[in-house]
């Protein structure tokens, strides 16, 4: 948990990537946090997955779980 909080602070709060300018309101922080969480969960390259994005693993995994109709 601590490393995720550290990543959040480094990548979201201390940069201007997810929000332009100063954070003036709680809504500014919430908006930047939503953008960072979306990027982190859906588009960030993951070393543990072989430097691919999670959806490239997730979609084939769930597709394999859907039962396929077998010819009779």
PDB file of N, CA and C in Angstrom:
ATOM      1  N   UNK A   1       0.827  -1.192   0.000  1.00  0.00           N
ATOM      2  CA  UNK A   1       0.000   0.000   0.000  1.00  0.00           C
ATOM      3  C   UNK A   1       0.872   1.256   0.000  1.00  0.00           C
ATOM      4  N   UNK A   2       1.941   1.241   0.784  1.00  0.00           N
ATOM      5  CA  UNK A   2       2.778   2.430   0.855  1.00  0.00           C
ATOM      6  C   UNK A   2       3.417   2.759  -0.481  1.00  0.00           C
ATOM      7  N   UNK A   3       3.808   1.745  -1.251  1.00  0.00           N
ATOM      8  CA  UNK A   3       4.423   2.039  -2.539  1.00  0.00           C
ATOM      9  C   UNK A   3       3.395   2.609  -3.519  1.00  0.00           C
ATOM     10  N   UNK A   4       2.145   2.181  -3.434  1.00  0.00           N
ATOM     11  CA  UNK A   4       1.100   2.734  -4.298  1.00  0.00           C
ATOM     12  C   UNK A   4       0.831   4.189  -3.927  1.00  0.00           C
ATOM     13  N   UNK A   5       0.821   4.503  -2.643  1.00  0.00           N
ATOM     14  CA  UNK A   5       0.641   5.891  -2.221  1.00  0.00           C
ATOM     15  C   UNK A   5       1.817   6.737  -2.700  1.00  0.00           C
ATOM     16  N   UNK A   6       3.020   6.185  -2.621  1.00  0.00           N
ATOM     17  CA  UNK A   6       4.198   6.889  -3.107  1.00  0.00           C
ATOM     18  C   UNK A   6       4.126   7.152  -4.597  1.00  0.00           C
ATOM     19  N   UNK A   7       3.681   6.156  -5.364  1.00  0.00           N
ATOM     20  CA  UNK A   7       3.509   6.353  -6.803  1.00  0.00           C
ATOM     21  C   UNK A   7       2.474   7.431  -7.081  1.00  0.00           C
ATOM     22  N   UNK A   8       1.376   7.398  -6.350  1.00  0.00           N
ATOM     23  CA  UNK A   8       0.314   8.399  -6.525  1.00  0.00           C
ATOM     24  C   UNK A   8       0.848   9.805  -6.277  1.00  0.00           C
ATOM     25  N   UNK A   9       1.567   9.967  -5.172  1.00  0.00           N
ATOM     26  CA  UNK A   9       2.111  11.289  -4.858  1.00  0.00           C
ATOM     27  C   UNK A   9       3.106  11.746  -5.914  1.00  0.00           C
ATOM     28  N   UNK A  10       3.974  10.847  -6.351  1.00  0.00           N
ATOM     29  CA  UNK A  10       5.004  11.201  -7.319  1.00  0.00           C
ATOM     30  C   UNK A  10       4.423  11.462  -8.696  1.00  0.00           C
ATOM     31  N   UNK A  11       3.538  10.590  -9.156  1.00  0.00           N
ATOM     32  CA  UNK A  11       3.043  10.665 -10.530  1.00  0.00           C
ATOM     33  C   UNK A  11       1.844  11.602 -10.697  1.00  0.00           C
ATOM     34  N   UNK A  12       1.051  11.759  -9.672  1.00  0.00           N
ATOM     35  CA  UNK A  12      -0.178  12.546  -9.817  1.00  0.00           C
ATOM     36  C   UNK A  12      -0.076  13.907  -9.126  1.00  0.00           C
ATOM     37  N   UNK A  13       0.253  13.907  -7.868  1.00  0.00           N
ATOM     38  CA  UNK A  13       0.189  15.136  -7.087  1.00  0.00           C
ATOM     39  C   UNK A  13       1.364  16.066  -7.365  1.00  0.00           C
ATOM     40  N   UNK A  14       2.569  15.523  -7.482  1.00  0.00           N
ATOM     41  CA  UNK A  14       3.752  16.373  -7.640  1.00  0.00           C
ATOM     42  C   UNK A  14       4.082  16.737  -9.078  1.00  0.00           C
ATOM     43  N   UNK A  15       3.246  16.343 -10.027  1.00  0.00           N
ATOM     44  CA  UNK A  15       3.484  16.687 -11.424  1.00  0.00           C
ATOM     45  C   UNK A  15       2.284  17.450 -11.970  1.00  0.00           C
ATOM     46  N   UNK A  16       2.390  17.876 -13.181  1.00  0.00           N
ATOM     47  CA  UNK A  16       1.287  18.570 -13.855  1.00  0.00           C
ATOM     48  C   UNK A  16       0.688  17.687 -14.958  1.00  0.00           C
ATOM     49  N   UNK A  17       0.959  16.394 -14.916  1.00  0.00           N
ATOM     50  CA  UNK A  17       0.502  15.486 -15.966  1.00  0.00           C
ATOM     51  C   UNK A  17      -1.023  15.325 -15.942  1.00  0.00           C
ATOM     52  N   UNK A  18      -1.590  15.181 -14.779  1.00  0.00           N
ATOM     53  CA  UNK A  18      -3.018  14.900 -14.665  1.00  0.00           C
ATOM     54  C   UNK A  18      -3.851  16.127 -14.296  1.00  0.00           C
ATOM     55  N   UNK A  19      -3.194  17.262 -14.107  1.00  0.00           N
ATOM     56  CA  UNK A  19      -3.911  18.491 -13.781  1.00  0.00           C
ATOM     57  C   UNK A  19      -3.021  19.673 -14.131  1.00  0.00           C
ATOM     58  N   UNK A  20      -3.574  20.630 -14.830  1.00  0.00           N
ATOM     59  CA  UNK A  20      -2.803  21.817 -15.192  1.00  0.00           C
ATOM     60  C   UNK A  20      -2.851  22.834 -14.056  1.00  0.00           C
ATOM     61  N   UNK A  21      -1.711  23.374 -13.707  1.00  0.00           N
ATOM     62  CA  UNK A  21      -1.658  24.431 -12.699  1.00  0.00           C
ATOM     63  C   UNK A  21      -1.734  23.911 -11.278  1.00  0.00           C
ATOM     64  N   UNK A  22      -1.966  24.839 -10.364  1.00  0.00           N
ATOM     65  CA  UNK A  22      -2.041  24.520  -8.934  1.00  0.00           C
ATOM     66  C   UNK A  22      -3.356  23.825  -8.596  1.00  0.00           C
ATOM     67  N   UNK A  23      -3.305  22.993  -7.570  1.00  0.00           N
ATOM     68  CA  UNK A  23      -4.539  22.421  -7.031  1.00  0.00           C
ATOM     69  C   UNK A  23      -5.149  23.483  -6.117  1.00  0.00           C
ATOM     70  N   UNK A  24      -6.328  23.974  -6.479  1.00  0.00           N
ATOM     71  CA  UNK A  24      -6.956  25.031  -5.695  1.00  0.00           C
ATOM     72  C   UNK A  24      -8.126  24.532  -4.861  1.00  0.00           C
ATOM     73  N   UNK A  25      -8.749  23.444  -5.299  1.00  0.00           N
ATOM     74  CA  UNK A  25      -9.910  22.915  -4.573  1.00  0.00           C
ATOM     75  C   UNK A  25      -9.780  21.401  -4.457  1.00  0.00           C
ATOM     76  N   UNK A  26     -10.609  20.845  -3.611  1.00  0.00           N
ATOM     77  CA  UNK A  26     -10.674  19.390  -3.473  1.00  0.00           C
ATOM     78  C   UNK A  26     -11.104  18.771  -4.797  1.00  0.00           C
ATOM     79  N   UNK A  27     -11.975  19.441  -5.527  1.00  0.00           N
ATOM     80  CA  UNK A  27     -12.435  18.932  -6.822  1.00  0.00           C
ATOM     81  C   UNK A  27     -11.263  18.801  -7.794  1.00  0.00           C
ATOM     82  N   UNK A  28     -10.288  19.707  -7.735  1.00  0.00           N
ATOM     83  CA  UNK A  28      -9.099  19.608  -8.587  1.00  0.00           C
ATOM     84  C   UNK A  28      -8.323  18.327  -8.281  1.00  0.00           C
ATOM     85  N   UNK A  29      -8.157  18.034  -7.008  1.00  0.00           N
ATOM     86  CA  UNK A  29      -7.439  16.819  -6.597  1.00  0.00           C
ATOM     87  C   UNK A  29      -8.234  15.583  -6.989  1.00  0.00           C
ATOM     88  N   UNK A  30      -9.549  15.616  -6.806  1.00  0.00           N
ATOM     89  CA  UNK A  30     -10.390  14.479  -7.178  1.00  0.00           C
ATOM     90  C   UNK A  30     -10.327  14.216  -8.679  1.00  0.00           C
ATOM     91  N   UNK A  31     -10.366  15.269  -9.485  1.00  0.00           N
ATOM     92  CA  UNK A  31     -10.301  15.113 -10.939  1.00  0.00           C
ATOM     93  C   UNK A  31      -8.958  14.512 -11.360  1.00  0.00           C
ATOM     94  N   UNK A  32      -7.870  15.033 -10.804  1.00  0.00           N
ATOM     95  CA  UNK A  32      -6.546  14.503 -11.122  1.00  0.00           C
ATOM     96  C   UNK A  32      -6.415  13.056 -10.656  1.00  0.00           C
ATOM     97  N   UNK A  33      -6.958  12.745  -9.492  1.00  0.00           N
ATOM     98  CA  UNK A  33      -6.893  11.379  -8.963  1.00  0.00           C
ATOM     99  C   UNK A  33      -7.664  10.417  -9.859  1.00  0.00           C
ATOM    100  N   UNK A  34      -8.820  10.819 -10.343  1.00  0.00           N
ATOM    101  CA  UNK A  34      -9.602   9.960 -11.239  1.00  0.00           C
ATOM    102  C   UNK A  34      -8.829   9.685 -12.525  1.00  0.00           C
ATOM    103  N   UNK A  35      -8.192  10.702 -13.074  1.00  0.00           N
ATOM    104  CA  UNK A  35      -7.386  10.511 -14.286  1.00  0.00           C
ATOM    105  C   UNK A  35      -6.203   9.598 -14.044  1.00  0.00           C
ATOM    106  N   UNK A  36      -5.529   9.787 -12.911  1.00  0.00           N
ATOM    107  CA  UNK A  36      -4.381   8.937 -12.576  1.00  0.00           C
ATOM    108  C   UNK A  36      -4.823   7.497 -12.350  1.00  0.00           C
ATOM    109  N   UNK A  37      -5.914   7.288 -11.627  1.00  0.00           N
ATOM    110  CA  UNK A  37      -6.395   5.930 -11.357  1.00  0.00           C
ATOM    111  C   UNK A  37      -6.781   5.226 -12.653  1.00  0.00           C
ATOM    112  N   UNK A  38      -7.428   5.930 -13.570  1.00  0.00           N
ATOM    113  CA  UNK A  38      -7.781   5.338 -14.857  1.00  0.00           C
ATOM    114  C   UNK A  38      -6.520   4.940 -15.620  1.00  0.00           C
ATOM    115  N   UNK A  39      -5.558   5.846 -15.690  1.00  0.00           N
ATOM    116  CA  UNK A  39      -4.301   5.559 -16.380  1.00  0.00           C
ATOM    117  C   UNK A  39      -3.570   4.391 -15.712  1.00  0.00           C
ATOM    118  N   UNK A  40      -3.482   4.433 -14.395  1.00  0.00           N
ATOM    119  CA  UNK A  40      -2.750   3.400 -13.653  1.00  0.00           C
ATOM    120  C   UNK A  40      -3.383   2.022 -13.832  1.00  0.00           C
ATOM    121  N   UNK A  41      -4.694   1.950 -13.817  1.00  0.00           N
ATOM    122  CA  UNK A  41      -5.386   0.664 -13.896  1.00  0.00           C
ATOM    123  C   UNK A  41      -5.571   0.142 -15.309  1.00  0.00           C
ATOM    124  N   UNK A  42      -5.567   1.021 -16.307  1.00  0.00           N
ATOM    125  CA  UNK A  42      -5.926   0.591 -17.658  1.00  0.00           C
ATOM    126  C   UNK A  42      -4.861   0.780 -18.727  1.00  0.00           C
ATOM    127  N   UNK A  43      -3.969   1.763 -18.574  1.00  0.00           N
ATOM    128  CA  UNK A  43      -3.034   2.058 -19.658  1.00  0.00           C
ATOM    129  C   UNK A  43      -1.563   2.020 -19.279  1.00  0.00           C
ATOM    130  N   UNK A  44      -1.258   1.866 -18.021  1.00  0.00           N
ATOM    131  CA  UNK A  44       0.127   1.852 -17.573  1.00  0.00           C
ATOM    132  C   UNK A  44       0.778   0.517 -17.911  1.00  0.00           C
ATOM    133  N   UNK A  45       1.988   0.559 -18.461  1.00  0.00           N
ATOM    134  CA  UNK A  45       2.710  -0.677 -18.753  1.00  0.00           C
ATOM    135  C   UNK A  45       3.086  -1.368 -17.446  1.00  0.00           C
ATOM    136  N   UNK A  46       2.898  -2.665 -17.398  1.00  0.00           N
ATOM    137  CA  UNK A  46       3.175  -3.440 -16.182  1.00  0.00           C
ATOM    138  C   UNK A  46       4.332  -4.400 -16.422  1.00  0.00           C
ATOM    139  N   UNK A  47       5.387  -4.248 -15.655  1.00  0.00           N
ATOM    140  CA  UNK A  47       6.541  -5.124 -15.768  1.00  0.00           C
ATOM    141  C   UNK A  47       6.203  -6.566 -15.446  1.00  0.00           C
ATOM    142  N   UNK A  48       5.326  -6.772 -14.467  1.00  0.00           N
ATOM    143  CA  UNK A  48       4.948  -8.131 -14.082  1.00  0.00           C
ATOM    144  C   UNK A  48       4.158  -8.835 -15.177  1.00  0.00           C
ATOM    145  N   UNK A  49       3.594  -8.067 -16.099  1.00  0.00           N
ATOM    146  CA  UNK A  49       2.830  -8.648 -17.199  1.00  0.00           C
ATOM    147  C   UNK A  49       3.636  -8.705 -18.493  1.00  0.00           C
ATOM    148  N   UNK A  50       4.935  -8.402 -18.408  1.00  0.00           N
ATOM    149  CA  UNK A  50       5.757  -8.417 -19.612  1.00  0.00           C
ATOM    150  C   UNK A  50       5.727  -7.098 -20.362  1.00  0.00           C
ATOM    151  N   UNK A  51       5.575  -5.997 -19.627  1.00  0.00           N
ATOM    152  CA  UNK A  51       5.546  -4.641 -20.188  1.00  0.00           C
ATOM    153  C   UNK A  51       4.407  -4.452 -21.192  1.00  0.00           C
ATOM    154  N   UNK A  52       3.228  -4.944 -20.816  1.00  0.00           N
ATOM    155  CA  UNK A  52       2.018  -4.692 -21.600  1.00  0.00           C
ATOM    156  C   UNK A  52       0.975  -4.082 -20.675  1.00  0.00           C
ATOM    157  N   UNK A  53      -0.070  -3.542 -21.265  1.00  0.00           N
ATOM    158  CA  UNK A  53      -1.120  -2.930 -20.456  1.00  0.00           C
ATOM    159  C   UNK A  53      -2.070  -4.006 -19.938  1.00  0.00           C
ATOM    160  N   UNK A  54      -2.696  -3.779 -18.793  1.00  0.00           N
ATOM    161  CA  UNK A  54      -3.563  -4.794 -18.199  1.00  0.00           C
ATOM    162  C   UNK A  54      -4.677  -5.286 -19.111  1.00  0.00           C
ATOM    163  N   UNK A  55      -5.266  -4.435 -19.935  1.00  0.00           N
ATOM    164  CA  UNK A  55      -6.382  -4.879 -20.776  1.00  0.00           C
ATOM    165  C   UNK A  55      -5.936  -5.912 -21.804  1.00  0.00           C
ATOM    166  N   UNK A  56      -4.664  -5.895 -22.193  1.00  0.00           N
ATOM    167  CA  UNK A  56      -4.177  -6.901 -23.139  1.00  0.00           C
ATOM    168  C   UNK A  56      -4.114  -8.291 -22.503  1.00  0.00           C
ATOM    169  N   UNK A  57      -4.112  -8.339 -21.195  1.00  0.00           N
ATOM    170  CA  UNK A  57      -4.163  -9.621 -20.480  1.00  0.00           C
ATOM    171  C   UNK A  57      -5.602  -9.927 -20.077  1.00  0.00           C
ATOM    172  N   UNK A  58      -6.306  -8.892 -19.655  1.00  0.00           N
ATOM    173  CA  UNK A  58      -7.658  -9.055 -19.125  1.00  0.00           C
ATOM    174  C   UNK A  58      -8.637  -9.574 -20.177  1.00  0.00           C
ATOM    175  N   UNK A  59      -8.647  -8.995 -21.372  1.00  0.00           N
ATOM    176  CA  UNK A  59      -9.629  -9.378 -22.393  1.00  0.00           C
ATOM    177  C   UNK A  59      -9.500 -10.843 -22.807  1.00  0.00           C
ATOM    178  N   UNK A  60      -8.315 -11.346 -23.149  1.00  0.00           N
ATOM    179  CA  UNK A  60      -8.216 -12.770 -23.488  1.00  0.00           C
ATOM    180  C   UNK A  60      -8.568 -13.682 -22.314  1.00  0.00           C
ATOM    181  N   UNK A  61      -8.221 -13.257 -21.090  1.00  0.00           N
ATOM    182  CA  UNK A  61      -8.531 -14.066 -19.914  1.00  0.00           C
ATOM    183  C   UNK A  61     -10.040 -14.244 -19.759  1.00  0.00           C
ATOM    184  N   UNK A  62     -10.782 -13.130 -19.809  1.00  0.00           N
ATOM    185  CA  UNK A  62     -12.226 -13.221 -19.645  1.00  0.00           C
ATOM    186  C   UNK A  62     -12.897 -13.874 -20.850  1.00  0.00           C
ATOM    187  N   UNK A  63     -12.341 -13.693 -22.025  1.00  0.00           N
ATOM    188  CA  UNK A  63     -12.896 -14.358 -23.210  1.00  0.00           C
ATOM    189  C   UNK A  63     -12.768 -15.868 -23.078  1.00  0.00           C
ATOM    190  N   UNK A  64     -11.684 -16.331 -22.459  1.00  0.00           N
ATOM    191  CA  UNK A  64     -11.491 -17.764 -22.267  1.00  0.00           C
ATOM    192  C   UNK A  64     -12.470 -18.330 -21.237  1.00  0.00           C
ATOM    193  N   UNK A  65     -12.973 -17.500 -20.351  1.00  0.00           N
ATOM    194  CA  UNK A  65     -13.922 -17.963 -19.316  1.00  0.00           C
ATOM    195  C   UNK A  65     -15.342 -18.094 -19.848  1.00  0.00           C
ATOM    196  N   UNK A  66     -15.649 -17.416 -20.949  1.00  0.00           N
ATOM    197  CA  UNK A  66     -16.995 -17.493 -21.519  1.00  0.00           C
ATOM    198  C   UNK A  66     -17.144 -18.819 -22.252  1.00  0.00           C
ATOM    199  N   UNK A  67     -18.108 -19.626 -21.838  1.00  0.00           N
ATOM    200  CA  UNK A  67     -18.249 -20.937 -22.499  1.00  0.00           C
ATOM    201  C   UNK A  67     -18.617 -20.780 -23.971  1.00  0.00           C
ATOM    202  N   UNK A  68     -17.944 -21.528 -24.801  1.00  0.00           N
ATOM    203  CA  UNK A  68     -18.212 -21.512 -26.238  1.00  0.00           C
ATOM    204  C   UNK A  68     -19.172 -22.635 -26.573  1.00  0.00           C
ATOM    205  N   UNK A  69     -20.104 -22.345 -27.482  1.00  0.00           N
ATOM    206  CA  UNK A  69     -21.031 -23.384 -27.900  1.00  0.00           C
ATOM    207  C   UNK A  69     -20.273 -24.432 -28.715  1.00  0.00           C
ATOM    208  N   UNK A  70     -20.549 -25.680 -28.410  1.00  0.00           N
ATOM    209  CA  UNK A  70     -19.894 -26.777 -29.103  1.00  0.00           C
ATOM    210  C   UNK A  70     -20.814 -27.289 -30.197  1.00  0.00           C
ATOM    211  N   UNK A  71     -20.262 -27.644 -31.346  1.00  0.00           N
ATOM    212  CA  UNK A  71     -21.114 -28.198 -32.403  1.00  0.00           C
ATOM    213  C   UNK A  71     -21.726 -29.530 -31.950  1.00  0.00           C
ATOM    214  N   UNK A  72     -22.963 -29.765 -32.327  1.00  0.00           N
ATOM    215  CA  UNK A  72     -23.661 -30.994 -31.900  1.00  0.00           C
ATOM    216  C   UNK A  72     -23.391 -32.132 -32.842  1.00  0.00           C
TER     217      UNK A  72
END
